[in-house]
Amino acid sequence: QVQLVESGGGLVQPGGSLTLSCAASGIIFSIYNMGWYRQAPGKQRELVAVITSGGTTNYADSVKGRFTISRDSAKNTVSLQMNSLKPDDTAVYYCNAKYYQGPHYWGQGTQVTVSS
């Protein structure tokens, strides 16, 4: 059974930082592409960042230069370091795992709120 468990969300002031973590189990972590998506109220879920099995990263334009995705295959975890947070970053953040043409696997989501 595939499980993706996110942690690290919370309330932060504009300009602050948060680090999200996702612990994966039930998959061969090293061969999966891992990503973070987010969904704000009334909006569609959107890709934030992805890191391939080979370590290549890609980011949404809105977070480039502020967010950093990384993975630790020894611990089966993927992290998202978020700096210079803005109110527009407020959303539920979801961890994602995908292997080529296979299905998407999702975590339960963690709330990030950026507000003064």
Protein backbone atom coordinates (compact mmCIF):
# COMPACT_ATOMS: atom_id res chain seq x y z
CA GLN A 1 0.00 0.00 0.00
CA VAL A 2 1.41 3.35 -1.06
CA GLN A 3 1.51 6.02 1.61
CA LEU A 4 2.69 9.61 1.32
CA VAL A 5 2.62 11.51 4.61
CA GLU A 6 3.23 15.25 4.60
CA SER A 7 4.31 17.36 7.55
CA GLY A 8 5.59 20.85 8.27
CA GLY A 9 2.69 23.07 7.29
CA GLY A 10 1.45 25.91 9.42
CA LEU A 11 0.95 29.64 9.78
CA VAL A 12 3.79 31.96 8.82
CA GLN A 13 4.12 35.70 8.30
CA PRO A 14 4.85 37.15 4.86
CA GLY A 15 8.56 36.94 4.15
CA GLY A 16 8.96 33.94 6.43
CA SER A 17 10.06 30.39 5.72
CA LEU A 18 8.68 26.88 6.09
CA THR A 19 9.95 23.43 5.18
CA LEU A 20 7.52 20.72 4.13
CA SER A 21 8.46 17.06 4.28
CA CYS A 22 6.89 13.97 2.75
CA ALA A 23 7.66 10.45 3.90
CA ALA A 24 6.97 7.77 1.29
CA SER A 25 6.35 4.08 1.79
CA GLY A 26 5.07 1.23 -0.37
CA ILE A 27 7.00 2.35 -3.46
CA ILE A 28 10.53 1.91 -4.77
CA PHE A 29 11.26 5.51 -3.92
CA SER A 30 14.48 5.84 -5.92
CA ILE A 31 12.75 5.27 -9.27
CA TYR A 32 9.80 7.60 -8.74
CA ASN A 33 9.54 11.23 -9.76
CA MET A 34 8.42 13.19 -6.71
CA GLY A 35 6.60 16.47 -6.64
CA TRP A 36 4.72 19.07 -4.64
CA TYR A 37 1.41 20.49 -5.79
CA ARG A 38 -0.84 23.03 -4.12
CA GLN A 39 -4.49 23.98 -4.21
CA ALA A 40 -5.82 27.31 -3.00
CA PRO A 41 -9.52 27.82 -2.22
CA GLY A 42 -11.54 28.12 -5.41
CA LYS A 43 -8.57 27.26 -7.63
CA GLN A 44 -7.33 24.18 -9.42
CA ARG A 45 -4.49 22.11 -8.09
CA GLU A 46 -1.20 23.29 -9.60
CA LEU A 47 2.33 21.96 -9.82
CA VAL A 48 4.78 23.72 -7.51
CA ALA A 49 7.98 21.72 -7.97
CA VAL A 50 9.13 18.33 -9.17
CA ILE A 51 12.32 16.34 -8.77
CA THR A 52 12.96 13.37 -11.02
CA SER A 53 14.47 10.07 -9.99
CA GLY A 54 17.73 11.38 -11.42
CA GLY A 55 17.61 14.59 -9.40
CA THR A 56 16.52 17.03 -12.10
CA THR A 57 14.29 19.76 -10.70
CA ASN A 58 11.61 21.95 -12.20
CA TYR A 59 9.61 24.76 -10.62
CA ALA A 60 6.53 26.81 -11.29
CA ASP A 61 7.48 30.32 -12.37
CA SER A 62 5.72 31.73 -9.34
CA VAL A 63 8.11 30.00 -6.91
CA LYS A 64 11.41 30.03 -8.80
CA GLY A 65 14.19 31.44 -6.69
CA ARG A 66 12.15 31.09 -3.48
CA PHE A 67 11.40 27.36 -3.17
CA THR A 68 13.81 24.41 -3.28
CA ILE A 69 12.81 20.78 -3.68
CA SER A 70 15.12 17.98 -2.58
CA ARG A 71 14.98 14.24 -2.00
CA ASP A 72 16.73 11.77 0.29
CA SER A 73 16.59 8.25 -1.11
CA ALA A 74 18.15 6.82 2.04
CA LYS A 75 15.18 8.09 4.08
CA ASN A 76 12.52 7.91 1.35
CA THR A 77 11.65 11.55 1.87
CA VAL A 78 11.11 14.59 -0.32
CA SER A 79 11.25 18.12 1.07
CA LEU A 80 10.19 21.57 -0.04
CA GLN A 81 12.08 24.50 1.45
CA MET A 82 9.95 27.62 1.06
CA ASN A 83 11.49 31.06 1.59
CA SER A 84 10.19 34.60 1.15
CA LEU A 85 6.64 33.35 1.48
CA LYS A 86 3.80 35.49 0.16
CA PRO A 87 0.07 35.49 0.94
CA ASP A 88 -0.48 34.03 -2.56
CA ASP A 89 1.41 30.92 -1.42
CA THR A 90 -1.46 30.09 0.95
CA ALA A 91 -2.85 26.70 -0.05
CA VAL A 92 -3.05 23.04 0.83
CA TYR A 93 0.21 21.45 -0.30
CA TYR A 94 0.18 17.87 -1.58
CA CYS A 95 3.04 15.44 -2.03
CA ASN A 96 2.95 13.45 -5.27
CA ALA A 97 4.70 10.34 -6.57
CA LYS A 98 4.63 9.13 -10.16
CA TYR A 99 6.51 6.52 -12.18
CA TYR A 100 6.35 7.11 -15.94
CA GLN A 101 2.90 6.03 -17.24
CA GLY A 102 1.79 4.75 -13.86
CA PRO A 103 -0.81 6.37 -11.61
CA HIS A 104 -0.34 9.49 -9.50
CA TYR A 105 -0.11 8.84 -5.78
CA TRP A 106 -1.08 11.64 -3.39
CA GLY A 107 -0.63 12.50 0.23
CA GLN A 108 -3.43 13.85 2.38
CA GLY A 109 -2.18 17.43 2.15
CA THR A 110 -0.84 19.96 4.62
CA GLN A 111 -2.13 23.51 5.06
CA VAL A 112 0.21 26.45 4.57
CA THR A 113 -1.15 29.86 5.52
CA VAL A 114 0.85 33.03 4.91
CA SER A 115 -0.67 35.92 6.81
CA SER A 116 0.24 38.72 9.16
